[in-house]
Amino acid sequence: MTKVYIDGSAGTTGLRIRERLAARGDIQVLEIPEKERKDPQARGERINESDITFFCLPDAAAIEAEALVANPKVRIIDTSTAHRTAPDWSYGFAELSPAHRQSLAQSKRVSVPGCHASGFNALVYPLIAGGIAGADYPFVCYSVTGYSGGGKQMIAEYGAPERDGELDSPRQYGVAQSHKHLREMKAVPGLVREPVFAPIVADYYSGMVVSVPLFGHLLKKGQTPASLREYFREYYAGQPLITVKEEVPDFIGANGLSGLDTMEILIAGNEERLLLAARFDNLGKGASGAAIQCMNIMLGIPETTGLEM
């Protein structure tokens, strides 16, 4: 039986991981008393007793938590932003390439992708890998997400009986173009520059749609929506958590996969202007579901074990 410790189990990501692991007979979740939840010594004991520890912590706390690891056999899965572009950490998106999957399976240090970055990289990495777009393409990305992605504080703000009236409408943020996911959105597909990124949070709990519009004349290889769908279908063939949809509805509900750990890729438009979109749950394939998928691959068991399909 695999011993697992969740450092930061009270947050939204940690809670969802705990929920997914609760019904599994192959996992023993190591407990820690509430009064010791922030005690470094007590946390260090659980981390070093575990086979795998999930860091569900703010960036600075995740860096501090790594310093507590003394047992060389312990494997870490970090859901924070802290290590996503670190060269000695594996990027936890196995579907991007066989090299990503192999690195993840063998690694003792895995960083789970950010939610917005998961959608962006799922769309852009194949374009670069297949020579369809150049690394210097001026990418733009729009992303609509539920408020659970903002953590406990934002969840409380949206659930307050008397809340700011602006919360009734979608709100764009990260307008200074300094969003913390931008670094991995550039580094993972190997782009020359960061994309222009416009994230939007709206009044629903979970789920997201990440969109990347493309100008056909700027691509290195001419494409139609049909040819791109076929390319992506072949690229992600055999990946149980990613589906390329044949039909694209006029309206794409961002909460359509809420509660699930899968991702849909939708491609529409025409030869001049194409639109690529990834739909998934920001707490599923965008966080906790992805973390558990990483753990399953590291353990050498079917990657969908314990996930909601």
Protein backbone atom coordinates (compact mmCIF):
# COMPACT_ATOMS: atom_id res chain seq x y z
CA MET A 1 0.00 0.00 0.00
CA THR A 2 1.28 3.45 -0.96
CA LYS A 3 1.58 5.96 1.87
CA VAL A 4 0.49 9.46 0.82
CA TYR A 5 0.69 12.71 2.73
CA ILE A 6 -1.13 15.86 1.60
CA ASP A 7 0.70 18.93 2.89
CA GLY A 8 -1.95 21.62 2.70
CA SER A 9 -5.00 19.37 2.73
CA ALA A 10 -7.34 22.16 3.88
CA GLY A 11 -7.18 24.10 0.58
CA THR A 12 -9.39 23.50 -2.44
CA THR A 13 -6.78 21.45 -4.33
CA GLY A 14 -5.85 19.40 -1.27
CA LEU A 15 -9.47 18.71 -0.41
CA ARG A 16 -10.24 17.47 -3.92
CA ILE A 17 -7.17 15.20 -3.88
CA ARG A 18 -8.31 13.81 -0.55
CA GLU A 19 -11.80 13.17 -1.94
CA ARG A 20 -10.40 11.30 -4.93
CA LEU A 21 -8.14 9.14 -2.73
CA ALA A 22 -10.75 8.35 -0.06
CA ALA A 23 -12.28 5.39 -1.88
CA ARG A 24 -8.99 3.82 -2.98
CA GLY A 25 -7.85 0.64 -1.29
CA ASP A 26 -4.30 0.98 -2.56
CA ILE A 27 -3.62 4.29 -0.79
CA GLN A 28 -3.07 5.09 2.89
CA VAL A 29 -3.46 8.82 3.56
CA LEU A 30 -1.25 9.86 6.46
CA GLU A 31 -3.14 12.05 8.93
CA ILE A 32 -1.91 14.99 10.96
CA PRO A 33 -3.73 16.56 13.94
CA GLU A 34 -5.25 19.96 13.22
CA LYS A 35 -3.08 21.64 15.86
CA GLU A 36 0.07 20.31 14.14
CA ARG A 37 -0.97 21.18 10.58
CA LYS A 38 1.48 24.13 10.45
CA ASP A 39 4.19 22.60 12.66
CA PRO A 40 7.31 22.05 10.50
CA GLN A 41 8.55 19.16 12.62
CA ALA A 42 5.24 17.29 12.52
CA ARG A 43 4.86 17.95 8.79
CA GLY A 44 8.43 16.81 8.16
CA GLU A 45 7.74 13.54 9.96
CA ARG A 46 4.71 12.83 7.73
CA ILE A 47 6.56 13.83 4.57
CA ASN A 48 9.48 11.53 5.30
CA GLU A 49 7.19 8.66 6.31
CA SER A 50 5.33 8.88 3.00
CA ASP A 51 6.04 7.32 -0.36
CA ILE A 52 4.50 10.32 -2.11
CA THR A 53 3.71 13.76 -0.70
CA PHE A 54 1.51 16.34 -2.39
CA PHE A 55 2.39 19.98 -1.79
CA CYS A 56 -0.89 21.93 -1.90
CA LEU A 57 0.67 25.13 -0.64
CA PRO A 58 1.47 28.72 -1.67
CA ASP A 59 4.72 29.05 -3.61
CA ALA A 60 6.95 30.17 -0.73
CA ALA A 61 5.56 27.47 1.56
CA ALA A 62 6.17 24.80 -1.10
CA ILE A 63 9.83 25.84 -1.36
CA GLU A 64 10.13 25.71 2.44
CA ALA A 65 8.41 22.30 2.51
CA GLU A 66 10.93 20.81 0.09
CA ALA A 67 13.64 21.62 2.62
CA LEU A 68 11.87 19.28 5.06
CA VAL A 69 12.47 16.25 2.80
CA ALA A 70 15.21 14.09 4.32
CA ASN A 71 14.20 10.64 3.05
CA PRO A 72 15.66 10.20 -0.48
CA LYS A 73 12.91 7.73 -1.39
CA VAL A 74 10.11 10.27 -0.94
CA ARG A 75 8.58 11.51 -4.19
CA ILE A 76 7.03 14.98 -4.30
CA ILE A 77 4.13 16.27 -6.41
CA ASP A 78 3.91 20.05 -6.12
CA THR A 79 0.66 21.77 -7.16
CA SER A 80 2.05 25.29 -6.64
CA THR A 81 3.73 27.54 -9.21
CA ALA A 82 7.10 27.29 -7.46
CA HIS A 83 8.80 24.57 -9.54
CA ARG A 84 6.98 24.50 -12.89
CA THR A 85 9.94 25.72 -14.90
CA ALA A 86 12.69 24.35 -12.66
CA PRO A 87 15.08 22.17 -14.72
CA ASP A 88 15.32 19.45 -12.06
CA TRP A 89 11.53 19.05 -11.79
CA SER A 90 9.35 17.15 -14.26
CA TYR A 91 6.41 19.00 -15.78
CA GLY A 92 3.31 16.96 -14.97
CA PHE A 93 1.51 16.90 -18.32
CA ALA A 94 2.19 13.42 -19.67
CA GLU A 95 0.14 13.85 -22.83
CA LEU A 96 2.37 16.57 -24.30
CA SER A 97 5.00 14.12 -25.54
CA PRO A 98 6.50 10.67 -24.85
CA ALA A 99 9.45 12.47 -23.25
CA HIS A 100 7.14 14.23 -20.78
CA ARG A 101 5.50 10.93 -19.88
CA GLN A 102 8.83 9.13 -19.41
CA SER A 103 10.28 11.92 -17.30
CA LEU A 104 7.17 12.00 -15.14
CA ALA A 105 7.15 8.25 -14.60
CA GLN A 106 10.76 8.22 -13.39
CA SER A 107 10.87 11.48 -11.46
CA LYS A 108 11.02 12.10 -7.74
CA ARG A 109 10.04 15.76 -8.20
CA VAL A 110 6.95 16.58 -10.27
CA SER A 111 5.29 19.97 -10.72
CA VAL A 112 1.60 19.99 -11.63
CA PRO A 113 0.76 22.50 -14.41
CA GLY A 114 -1.28 25.61 -13.70
CA CYS A 115 -4.93 25.50 -14.74
CA HIS A 116 -4.77 28.22 -17.43
CA ALA A 117 -1.39 26.93 -18.60
CA SER A 118 -2.80 23.40 -18.94
CA GLY A 119 -5.29 24.55 -21.55
CA PHE A 120 -2.82 26.82 -23.34
CA ASN A 121 -0.05 24.22 -23.51
CA ALA A 122 -2.45 21.46 -24.56
CA LEU A 123 -3.27 23.63 -27.60
CA VAL A 124 0.05 25.34 -28.37
CA TYR A 125 2.64 22.62 -27.64
CA PRO A 126 1.37 20.40 -30.51
CA LEU A 127 1.38 23.38 -32.90
CA ILE A 128 5.06 24.03 -32.19
CA ALA A 129 6.02 20.33 -32.12
CA GLY A 130 4.36 19.74 -35.49
CA GLY A 131 5.86 22.80 -37.17
CA ILE A 132 2.41 24.31 -37.71
CA ALA A 133 3.30 27.49 -35.84
CA GLY A 134 6.71 28.95 -35.20
CA ALA A 135 8.10 29.65 -31.75
CA ASP A 136 7.91 33.35 -32.62
CA TYR A 137 4.14 33.27 -33.35
CA PRO A 138 2.41 36.16 -31.47
CA PHE A 139 0.02 34.02 -29.44
CA VAL A 140 -3.01 35.46 -27.65
CA CYS A 141 -4.92 33.50 -25.01
CA TYR A 142 -8.32 34.04 -23.40
CA SER A 143 -9.42 31.97 -20.43
CA VAL A 144 -12.73 31.89 -18.54
CA THR A 145 -12.70 30.13 -15.17
CA GLY A 146 -14.93 29.50 -12.19
CA TYR A 147 -14.19 31.28 -8.95
CA SER A 148 -12.95 28.18 -7.10
CA GLY A 149 -9.63 28.73 -8.87
CA GLY A 150 -9.09 31.72 -6.60
CA GLY A 151 -9.03 29.55 -3.48
CA LYS A 152 -10.81 29.92 -0.16
CA GLN A 153 -10.75 33.71 -0.05
CA MET A 154 -12.39 34.12 -3.46
CA ILE A 155 -14.89 31.34 -2.75
CA ALA A 156 -15.88 33.20 0.42
CA GLU A 157 -16.22 36.48 -1.49
CA TYR A 158 -18.58 34.94 -4.04
CA GLY A 159 -20.58 33.17 -1.33
CA ALA A 160 -21.01 36.22 0.89
CA PRO A 161 -24.67 37.27 1.45
CA GLU A 162 -23.78 40.91 0.75
CA ARG A 163 -21.14 40.94 -1.93
CA ASP A 164 -19.76 43.47 -4.39
CA GLY A 165 -22.14 43.89 -7.32
CA GLU A 166 -19.32 43.43 -9.82
CA LEU A 167 -19.10 39.77 -8.80
CA ASP A 168 -22.40 39.26 -10.63
CA SER A 169 -20.58 39.72 -13.94
CA PRO A 170 -17.45 38.17 -15.48
CA ARG A 171 -14.29 40.01 -14.37
CA GLN A 172 -11.06 40.24 -16.33
CA TYR A 173 -7.88 40.23 -14.26
CA GLY A 174 -4.13 39.95 -14.69
CA VAL A 175 -4.34 43.06 -16.87
CA ALA A 176 -0.71 44.02 -16.14
CA GLN A 177 0.36 40.91 -18.13
CA SER A 178 2.24 39.50 -15.15
CA HIS A 179 0.06 36.46 -14.36
CA LYS A 180 2.04 33.72 -12.62
CA HIS A 181 1.17 31.13 -15.29
CA LEU A 182 2.82 33.12 -18.08
CA ARG A 183 6.28 31.77 -17.31
CA GLU A 184 5.31 28.15 -18.00
CA MET A 185 3.10 29.19 -20.95
CA LYS A 186 6.28 30.46 -22.60
CA ALA A 187 8.78 27.89 -21.36
CA VAL A 188 6.95 24.59 -21.88
CA PRO A 189 6.18 24.95 -25.62
CA GLY A 190 9.46 26.84 -26.12
CA LEU A 191 8.06 30.19 -27.25
CA VAL A 192 10.18 33.24 -28.01
CA ARG A 193 7.87 35.46 -25.96
CA GLU A 194 5.02 35.17 -23.51
CA PRO A 195 1.51 35.34 -25.00
CA VAL A 196 -0.89 38.20 -24.45
CA PHE A 197 -3.07 36.64 -21.76
CA ALA A 198 -6.59 37.69 -20.77
CA PRO A 199 -7.95 35.55 -17.89
CA ILE A 200 -11.55 36.07 -16.76
CA VAL A 201 -13.25 34.83 -13.58
CA ALA A 202 -17.02 34.43 -13.56
CA ASP A 203 -19.85 33.67 -11.13
CA TYR A 204 -19.88 29.86 -11.17
CA TYR A 205 -17.93 27.40 -9.03
CA SER A 206 -15.69 25.39 -11.35
CA GLY A 207 -14.82 24.63 -14.95
CA MET A 208 -12.99 26.62 -17.60
CA VAL A 209 -12.46 27.23 -21.30
CA VAL A 210 -9.03 28.32 -22.52
CA SER A 211 -9.07 29.74 -26.07
CA VAL A 212 -6.25 30.48 -28.51
CA PRO A 213 -7.23 32.32 -31.74
CA LEU A 214 -4.97 31.94 -34.76
CA PHE A 215 -4.50 33.82 -38.04
CA GLY A 216 -4.12 31.30 -40.85
CA HIS A 217 -1.64 33.43 -42.80
CA LEU A 218 0.77 33.51 -39.84
CA LEU A 219 0.98 29.73 -39.59
CA LYS A 220 3.90 27.89 -41.19
CA LYS A 221 1.56 25.26 -42.61
CA GLY A 222 -1.84 26.13 -44.07
CA GLN A 223 -4.69 24.71 -42.01
CA THR A 224 -8.46 24.40 -41.91
CA PRO A 225 -10.49 23.54 -38.81
CA ALA A 226 -10.94 20.03 -40.21
CA SER A 227 -7.22 19.49 -40.84
CA LEU A 228 -6.31 20.80 -37.38
CA ARG A 229 -8.91 18.56 -35.76
CA GLU A 230 -7.40 15.57 -37.55
CA TYR A 231 -3.89 16.61 -36.49
CA PHE A 232 -4.88 16.99 -32.84
CA ARG A 233 -6.85 13.75 -32.94
CA GLU A 234 -3.73 11.91 -34.08
CA TYR A 235 -1.50 13.82 -31.65
CA TYR A 236 -3.60 12.84 -28.65
CA ALA A 237 -4.56 9.37 -29.87
CA GLY A 238 -4.60 6.86 -27.03
CA GLN A 239 -4.71 9.52 -24.31
CA PRO A 240 -7.69 8.55 -22.13
CA LEU A 241 -8.18 11.96 -20.51
CA ILE A 242 -8.11 14.13 -23.67
CA THR A 243 -10.80 14.07 -26.36
CA VAL A 244 -10.80 16.07 -29.60
CA LYS A 245 -14.42 16.88 -30.41
CA GLU A 246 -15.70 16.49 -33.96
CA GLU A 247 -18.53 19.00 -33.54
CA VAL A 248 -18.23 22.44 -31.95
CA PRO A 249 -21.42 24.03 -30.54
CA ASP A 250 -22.20 27.72 -31.05
CA PHE A 251 -21.89 28.21 -27.30
CA ILE A 252 -19.18 26.48 -25.23
CA GLY A 253 -20.19 26.37 -21.57
CA ALA A 254 -17.14 26.77 -19.37
CA ASN A 255 -18.70 24.58 -16.65
CA GLY A 256 -19.47 21.69 -19.03
CA LEU A 257 -16.85 19.39 -17.47
CA SER A 258 -17.17 20.60 -13.87
CA GLY A 259 -16.46 17.76 -11.46
CA LEU A 260 -14.59 15.68 -14.05
CA ASP A 261 -10.86 15.08 -14.61
CA THR A 262 -10.93 15.05 -18.42
CA MET A 263 -10.25 17.66 -21.11
CA GLU A 264 -11.98 18.40 -24.41
CA ILE A 265 -10.29 20.13 -27.35
CA LEU A 266 -12.53 22.04 -29.76
CA ILE A 267 -11.43 23.59 -33.05
CA ALA A 268 -13.56 25.93 -35.16
CA GLY A 269 -13.34 28.92 -37.52
CA ASN A 270 -12.16 28.99 -41.13
CA GLU A 271 -8.93 29.08 -43.14
CA GLU A 272 -8.32 32.75 -42.32
CA ARG A 273 -9.18 32.75 -38.63
CA LEU A 274 -9.11 29.62 -36.51
CA LEU A 275 -10.13 29.17 -32.89
CA LEU A 276 -8.70 26.48 -30.64
CA ALA A 277 -10.29 25.85 -27.24
CA ALA A 278 -9.65 23.50 -24.32
CA ARG A 279 -12.50 22.82 -21.90
CA PHE A 280 -11.89 21.17 -18.52
CA ASP A 281 -12.37 21.62 -14.77
CA ASN A 282 -9.90 23.99 -13.12
CA LEU A 283 -9.99 21.67 -10.08
CA GLY A 284 -9.80 18.52 -12.22
CA LYS A 285 -7.39 18.31 -15.15
CA GLY A 286 -6.37 21.82 -14.10
CA ALA A 287 -5.26 20.87 -10.57
CA SER A 288 -6.23 17.90 -8.35
CA GLY A 289 -7.15 15.48 -11.12
CA ALA A 290 -3.86 16.20 -12.88
CA ALA A 291 -1.97 15.67 -9.61
CA ILE A 292 -3.54 12.25 -9.09
CA GLN A 293 -2.91 11.32 -12.72
CA CYS A 294 0.77 12.18 -12.13
CA MET A 295 0.83 10.00 -9.03
CA ASN A 296 -0.72 7.06 -10.89
CA ILE A 297 1.88 7.30 -13.65
CA MET A 298 4.68 7.52 -11.08
CA LEU A 299 3.32 4.38 -9.41
CA GLY A 300 3.08 2.51 -12.73
CA ILE A 301 -0.68 1.92 -12.49
CA PRO A 302 -3.42 2.94 -14.96
CA GLU A 303 -3.40 6.74 -15.04
CA THR A 304 -7.17 7.06 -14.77
CA THR A 305 -7.35 5.15 -11.45
CA GLY A 306 -9.57 7.03 -9.00
CA LEU A 307 -10.40 9.80 -11.48
CA GLU A 308 -13.83 11.00 -12.60
CA MET A 309 -14.29 10.42 -16.31
